[in-house]
């Protein structure tokens, strides 16, 4: 996956960790995922993005982007 452009951060600028879930209230990443992001390769970033999509759907939080078919497949 090295030939893919960099995957942008999922940060939405609401940076507060929920004490109950341990996830950011804005982007739904865990503290570990937030810390890994600058060092992760595109494969790891894509896995995080797909996991965030799953979390948003499970929480009933969706956007039009969540309904679009993806050009990139989730890593196995």
N, C-alpha and C. Protein backbone atom coordinates (compact mmCIF):
# COMPACT_ATOMS: atom_id res chain seq x y z
N UNK A 1 0.81 -1.20 0.00
CA UNK A 1 0.00 0.00 0.00
C UNK A 1 0.85 1.27 0.00
N UNK A 2 2.12 1.15 -0.23
CA UNK A 2 2.99 2.31 -0.19
C UNK A 2 2.71 3.31 -1.30
N UNK A 3 2.01 2.90 -2.37
CA UNK A 3 1.76 3.80 -3.47
C UNK A 3 0.53 4.68 -3.26
N UNK A 4 -0.15 4.53 -2.14
CA UNK A 4 -1.32 5.35 -1.85
C UNK A 4 -0.90 6.69 -1.25
N UNK A 5 -1.68 7.74 -1.53
CA UNK A 5 -1.38 9.02 -0.87
C UNK A 5 -1.63 8.90 0.63
N UNK A 6 -1.04 9.80 1.39
CA UNK A 6 -1.24 9.77 2.84
C UNK A 6 -2.71 9.89 3.18
N UNK A 7 -3.12 9.12 4.16
CA UNK A 7 -4.50 9.15 4.62
C UNK A 7 -4.61 10.27 5.66
N UNK A 8 -5.55 11.21 5.46
CA UNK A 8 -5.65 12.34 6.40
C UNK A 8 -6.14 11.89 7.77
N UNK A 9 -5.80 12.67 8.76
CA UNK A 9 -6.22 12.37 10.12
C UNK A 9 -7.74 12.42 10.25
N UNK A 10 -8.32 11.54 11.04
CA UNK A 10 -9.76 11.59 11.27
C UNK A 10 -10.16 12.61 12.34
N UNK A 11 -9.19 13.35 12.87
CA UNK A 11 -9.48 14.34 13.91
C UNK A 11 -10.48 15.37 13.40
N UNK A 12 -11.48 15.68 14.24
CA UNK A 12 -12.48 16.68 13.88
C UNK A 12 -12.39 17.90 14.79
N UNK A 13 -11.33 17.97 15.60
CA UNK A 13 -11.10 19.14 16.44
C UNK A 13 -11.87 19.16 17.75
N UNK A 14 -12.51 18.07 18.10
CA UNK A 14 -13.18 17.94 19.40
C UNK A 14 -12.37 16.90 20.16
N UNK A 15 -11.37 17.35 20.87
CA UNK A 15 -10.37 16.45 21.44
C UNK A 15 -10.55 16.27 22.94
N UNK A 16 -11.46 15.37 23.31
CA UNK A 16 -11.70 15.04 24.72
C UNK A 16 -11.89 13.54 24.83
N UNK A 17 -11.11 12.91 25.70
CA UNK A 17 -11.29 11.47 25.91
C UNK A 17 -12.43 11.24 26.88
N UNK A 18 -13.35 10.41 26.47
CA UNK A 18 -14.47 10.02 27.31
C UNK A 18 -13.94 9.04 28.36
N UNK A 19 -14.09 9.35 29.65
CA UNK A 19 -13.53 8.46 30.68
C UNK A 19 -14.17 7.08 30.68
N UNK A 20 -15.43 6.98 30.29
CA UNK A 20 -16.11 5.69 30.32
C UNK A 20 -15.63 4.77 29.19
N UNK A 21 -15.51 5.30 27.99
CA UNK A 21 -15.14 4.47 26.85
C UNK A 21 -13.65 4.49 26.55
N UNK A 22 -12.95 5.56 26.98
CA UNK A 22 -11.54 5.72 26.66
C UNK A 22 -11.31 6.19 25.24
N UNK A 23 -12.39 6.65 24.58
CA UNK A 23 -12.29 7.11 23.19
C UNK A 23 -12.49 8.62 23.12
N UNK A 24 -11.91 9.21 22.10
CA UNK A 24 -12.10 10.63 21.86
C UNK A 24 -13.56 10.89 21.51
N UNK A 25 -14.14 11.93 22.10
CA UNK A 25 -15.54 12.26 21.82
C UNK A 25 -15.73 12.77 20.40
N UNK A 26 -14.69 13.28 19.78
CA UNK A 26 -14.80 13.81 18.42
C UNK A 26 -14.61 12.75 17.35
N UNK A 27 -13.46 12.10 17.35
CA UNK A 27 -13.13 11.17 16.26
C UNK A 27 -13.34 9.70 16.62
N UNK A 28 -13.56 9.41 17.88
CA UNK A 28 -13.80 8.06 18.38
C UNK A 28 -12.55 7.17 18.40
N UNK A 29 -11.37 7.79 18.25
CA UNK A 29 -10.14 6.99 18.37
C UNK A 29 -9.79 6.79 19.83
N UNK A 30 -9.09 5.70 20.11
CA UNK A 30 -8.56 5.48 21.44
C UNK A 30 -7.29 6.31 21.59
N UNK A 31 -6.82 6.47 22.81
CA UNK A 31 -5.58 7.20 23.04
C UNK A 31 -4.42 6.54 22.29
N UNK A 32 -4.41 5.23 22.25
CA UNK A 32 -3.35 4.51 21.52
C UNK A 32 -3.41 4.82 20.03
N UNK A 33 -4.61 4.81 19.45
CA UNK A 33 -4.75 5.10 18.03
C UNK A 33 -4.32 6.54 17.71
N UNK A 34 -4.65 7.46 18.60
CA UNK A 34 -4.24 8.86 18.41
C UNK A 34 -2.72 8.97 18.45
N UNK A 35 -2.10 8.30 19.42
CA UNK A 35 -0.65 8.36 19.56
C UNK A 35 0.07 7.68 18.39
N UNK A 36 -0.51 6.63 17.84
CA UNK A 36 0.11 5.88 16.74
C UNK A 36 0.01 6.61 15.42
N UNK A 37 -1.03 7.44 15.24
CA UNK A 37 -1.34 8.01 13.93
C UNK A 37 -0.13 8.63 13.22
N UNK A 38 0.65 9.50 13.84
CA UNK A 38 1.77 10.13 13.12
C UNK A 38 2.83 9.14 12.65
N UNK A 39 2.91 7.98 13.27
CA UNK A 39 3.95 6.99 12.97
C UNK A 39 3.43 5.82 12.14
N UNK A 40 2.12 5.71 11.99
CA UNK A 40 1.52 4.57 11.31
C UNK A 40 1.71 4.68 9.80
N UNK A 41 1.88 3.52 9.16
CA UNK A 41 1.90 3.52 7.70
C UNK A 41 0.45 3.53 7.20
N UNK A 42 0.28 3.65 5.89
CA UNK A 42 -1.07 3.75 5.35
C UNK A 42 -1.93 2.53 5.65
N UNK A 43 -1.32 1.37 5.70
CA UNK A 43 -2.08 0.15 6.00
C UNK A 43 -2.68 0.23 7.41
N UNK A 44 -1.88 0.65 8.37
CA UNK A 44 -2.38 0.78 9.75
C UNK A 44 -3.42 1.90 9.85
N UNK A 45 -3.17 3.03 9.17
CA UNK A 45 -4.13 4.13 9.18
C UNK A 45 -5.47 3.69 8.58
N UNK A 46 -5.41 2.96 7.48
CA UNK A 46 -6.63 2.48 6.85
C UNK A 46 -7.40 1.54 7.77
N UNK A 47 -6.69 0.69 8.50
CA UNK A 47 -7.34 -0.20 9.46
C UNK A 47 -8.03 0.61 10.56
N UNK A 48 -7.39 1.67 11.02
CA UNK A 48 -8.00 2.53 12.05
C UNK A 48 -9.24 3.21 11.49
N UNK A 49 -9.15 3.74 10.27
CA UNK A 49 -10.29 4.42 9.65
C UNK A 49 -11.47 3.47 9.51
N UNK A 50 -11.22 2.24 9.09
CA UNK A 50 -12.30 1.27 8.96
C UNK A 50 -12.91 0.92 10.33
N UNK A 51 -12.06 0.83 11.34
CA UNK A 51 -12.57 0.57 12.69
C UNK A 51 -13.41 1.74 13.19
N UNK A 52 -13.00 2.96 12.89
CA UNK A 52 -13.79 4.13 13.29
C UNK A 52 -15.15 4.13 12.61
N UNK A 53 -15.18 3.73 11.37
CA UNK A 53 -16.46 3.63 10.65
C UNK A 53 -17.37 2.62 11.35
N UNK A 54 -16.80 1.49 11.73
CA UNK A 54 -17.59 0.46 12.43
C UNK A 54 -18.11 1.01 13.76
N UNK A 55 -17.25 1.73 14.49
CA UNK A 55 -17.66 2.30 15.78
C UNK A 55 -18.77 3.32 15.62
N UNK A 56 -18.66 4.18 14.59
CA UNK A 56 -19.71 5.18 14.36
C UNK A 56 -21.03 4.50 14.05
N UNK A 57 -21.00 3.50 13.21
CA UNK A 57 -22.24 2.78 12.87
C UNK A 57 -22.83 2.12 14.12
N UNK A 58 -21.99 1.50 14.92
CA UNK A 58 -22.47 0.84 16.14
C UNK A 58 -23.09 1.83 17.10
N UNK A 59 -22.58 3.07 17.09
CA UNK A 59 -23.09 4.11 17.98
C UNK A 59 -24.26 4.87 17.35
N UNK A 60 -24.61 4.53 16.11
CA UNK A 60 -25.69 5.23 15.42
C UNK A 60 -25.28 6.60 14.91
N UNK A 61 -23.99 6.82 14.78
CA UNK A 61 -23.47 8.09 14.29
C UNK A 61 -22.94 7.85 12.88
N UNK A 62 -23.65 8.36 11.90
CA UNK A 62 -23.21 8.16 10.52
C UNK A 62 -23.21 9.49 9.78
N UNK A 63 -22.51 9.49 8.70
CA UNK A 63 -22.46 10.66 7.82
C UNK A 63 -22.65 10.16 6.40
N UNK A 64 -22.91 11.05 5.46
CA UNK A 64 -23.01 10.59 4.06
C UNK A 64 -21.76 9.84 3.61
N UNK A 65 -20.61 10.23 4.13
CA UNK A 65 -19.37 9.55 3.75
C UNK A 65 -19.36 8.09 4.20
N UNK A 66 -20.04 7.79 5.31
CA UNK A 66 -20.08 6.41 5.78
C UNK A 66 -20.90 5.51 4.86
N UNK A 67 -21.78 6.09 4.08
CA UNK A 67 -22.65 5.31 3.21
C UNK A 67 -22.05 5.10 1.82
N UNK A 68 -21.03 5.87 1.48
CA UNK A 68 -20.41 5.72 0.16
C UNK A 68 -19.59 4.45 0.10
N UNK A 69 -19.60 3.79 -1.05
CA UNK A 69 -18.72 2.63 -1.19
C UNK A 69 -17.27 3.07 -1.11
N UNK A 70 -16.44 2.24 -0.56
CA UNK A 70 -15.03 2.56 -0.39
C UNK A 70 -14.23 2.06 -1.59
N UNK A 71 -13.27 2.87 -2.01
CA UNK A 71 -12.37 2.46 -3.08
C UNK A 71 -11.27 1.56 -2.55
N UNK A 72 -10.98 1.73 -1.27
CA UNK A 72 -9.92 0.93 -0.65
C UNK A 72 -10.57 -0.13 0.22
N UNK A 73 -10.04 -1.30 0.15
CA UNK A 73 -10.56 -2.39 0.97
C UNK A 73 -9.88 -2.38 2.34
N UNK A 74 -10.60 -2.83 3.34
CA UNK A 74 -10.03 -2.96 4.68
C UNK A 74 -8.95 -4.03 4.65
N UNK A 75 -7.86 -3.83 5.37
CA UNK A 75 -6.81 -4.87 5.41
C UNK A 75 -7.33 -6.13 6.10
N UNK A 76 -6.81 -7.23 5.66
CA UNK A 76 -7.25 -8.52 6.20
C UNK A 76 -6.51 -8.83 7.47
